């Protein structure tokens, strides 16, 4: 049970942080950049909603799927951080991806 809760908490936190950043991007951007920010926000909102499904269902498989999805999203965000030479946008998502991966592996044992 504790493994489920830890993996779930990290996955939800990851999804909500992603949603927060994309929401700020929507509010701060204009023109074409805002359109791109809306796409990021849609992705982030979807994962935030999906991350709550295991809370309601207790589904191990669903949690594993959403955790993998968030690991991929955060890894891609870290790669973007590397490409724009922004340490915060690299290490934050990378750290979250690693934490989520560790929690997922521990949960899946």
Protein backbone atom coordinates (compact mmCIF):
# COMPACT_ATOMS: atom_id res chain seq x y z
CA UNK A 1 0.00 0.00 0.00
CA UNK A 2 2.78 2.47 0.89
CA UNK A 3 4.49 1.82 -2.46
CA UNK A 4 1.26 2.63 -4.29
CA UNK A 5 0.78 5.84 -2.32
CA UNK A 6 4.38 7.02 -2.84
CA UNK A 7 4.29 6.34 -6.59
CA UNK A 8 0.85 7.96 -6.84
CA UNK A 9 1.93 11.05 -4.90
CA UNK A 10 5.03 11.60 -7.03
CA UNK A 11 3.06 11.04 -10.23
CA UNK A 12 0.31 13.48 -9.22
CA UNK A 13 2.86 16.05 -8.05
CA UNK A 14 4.71 15.74 -11.35
CA UNK A 15 1.49 16.20 -13.33
CA UNK A 16 0.39 19.19 -11.26
CA UNK A 17 3.77 20.93 -11.51
CA UNK A 18 3.68 20.42 -15.27
CA UNK A 19 0.15 21.86 -15.35
CA UNK A 20 1.24 24.84 -13.28
CA UNK A 21 4.14 25.69 -15.57
CA UNK A 22 2.04 25.34 -18.70
CA UNK A 23 -0.74 27.48 -17.21
CA UNK A 24 1.76 30.24 -16.43
CA UNK A 25 3.09 29.96 -19.99
CA UNK A 26 -0.43 30.46 -21.37
CA UNK A 27 -0.97 33.54 -19.21
CA UNK A 28 2.39 35.13 -20.04
CA UNK A 29 2.67 34.43 -23.76
CA UNK A 30 1.10 36.07 -26.81
CA UNK A 31 0.55 35.24 -30.44
CA UNK A 32 2.01 32.00 -31.80
CA UNK A 33 3.79 31.31 -28.50
CA UNK A 34 0.43 31.34 -26.74
CA UNK A 35 -0.96 28.78 -29.18
CA UNK A 36 1.98 26.49 -28.43
CA UNK A 37 1.47 27.08 -24.69
CA UNK A 38 -2.18 26.04 -25.06
CA UNK A 39 -1.04 22.74 -26.56
CA UNK A 40 1.32 22.18 -23.63
CA UNK A 41 -1.45 23.07 -21.19
CA UNK A 42 -3.83 20.61 -22.85
CA UNK A 43 -1.24 17.84 -22.48
CA UNK A 44 -0.58 18.80 -18.88
CA UNK A 45 -4.26 19.02 -17.97
CA UNK A 46 -4.85 15.59 -19.50
CA UNK A 47 -2.07 14.03 -17.44
CA UNK A 48 -3.26 15.79 -14.29
CA UNK A 49 -6.74 14.31 -14.74
CA UNK A 50 -5.36 10.88 -15.67
CA UNK A 51 -3.11 10.88 -12.60
CA UNK A 52 -6.18 11.13 -10.38
CA UNK A 53 -7.85 8.01 -11.78
CA UNK A 54 -5.86 5.62 -9.51
CA UNK A 55 -7.09 7.62 -6.51
CA UNK A 56 -10.64 6.70 -7.48
CA UNK A 57 -10.05 3.18 -8.77
CA UNK A 58 -6.97 1.90 -6.95
CA UNK A 59 -5.80 0.49 -10.28
CA UNK A 60 -2.15 -0.57 -10.21
CA UNK A 61 -1.98 -0.85 -14.00
CA UNK A 62 -3.42 2.62 -14.48
CA UNK A 63 -0.93 4.11 -12.02
CA UNK A 64 1.95 2.38 -13.81
CA UNK A 65 0.78 3.68 -17.18
CA UNK A 66 0.38 7.27 -15.99
CA UNK A 67 3.72 7.15 -14.15
CA UNK A 68 5.46 5.99 -17.33
CA UNK A 69 3.73 8.77 -19.25
CA UNK A 70 4.90 11.41 -16.77
CA UNK A 71 8.45 10.01 -16.83
CA UNK A 72 8.46 10.44 -20.61
CA UNK A 73 6.97 13.95 -20.41
CA UNK A 74 9.44 15.10 -17.75
CA UNK A 75 12.37 13.53 -19.60
CA UNK A 76 11.36 15.41 -22.76
CA UNK A 77 11.01 18.63 -20.73
CA UNK A 78 14.53 18.07 -19.35
CA UNK A 79 15.85 17.57 -22.88
CA UNK A 80 14.27 20.88 -23.87
CA UNK A 81 15.97 22.48 -20.86
CA UNK A 82 19.31 21.12 -22.09
CA UNK A 83 18.71 22.43 -25.60
CA UNK A 84 17.96 25.95 -24.35
CA UNK A 85 20.83 25.86 -21.82
CA UNK A 86 18.55 26.46 -18.82
CA UNK A 87 19.68 24.59 -15.71
CA UNK A 88 16.40 25.02 -13.83
CA UNK A 89 14.39 23.73 -16.78
CA UNK A 90 16.82 20.82 -17.09
CA UNK A 91 17.38 19.68 -13.51
CA UNK A 92 13.81 20.22 -12.27
CA UNK A 93 12.12 17.94 -14.79
CA UNK A 94 15.06 15.51 -14.80
CA UNK A 95 14.88 15.19 -11.02
CA UNK A 96 11.14 14.64 -11.17
CA UNK A 97 11.55 12.00 -13.88
CA UNK A 98 14.19 10.18 -11.84
CA UNK A 99 12.09 10.34 -8.66
CA UNK A 100 9.07 9.03 -10.58
CA UNK A 101 11.17 6.24 -12.11
CA UNK A 102 12.51 5.17 -8.72
CA UNK A 103 9.00 5.21 -7.24
CA UNK A 104 7.63 3.24 -10.18
CA UNK A 105 10.34 0.59 -10.01
CA UNK A 106 9.87 0.28 -6.23
CA UNK A 107 6.10 0.07 -6.64
CA UNK A 108 6.40 -2.55 -9.39
CA UNK A 109 8.65 -4.92 -7.38
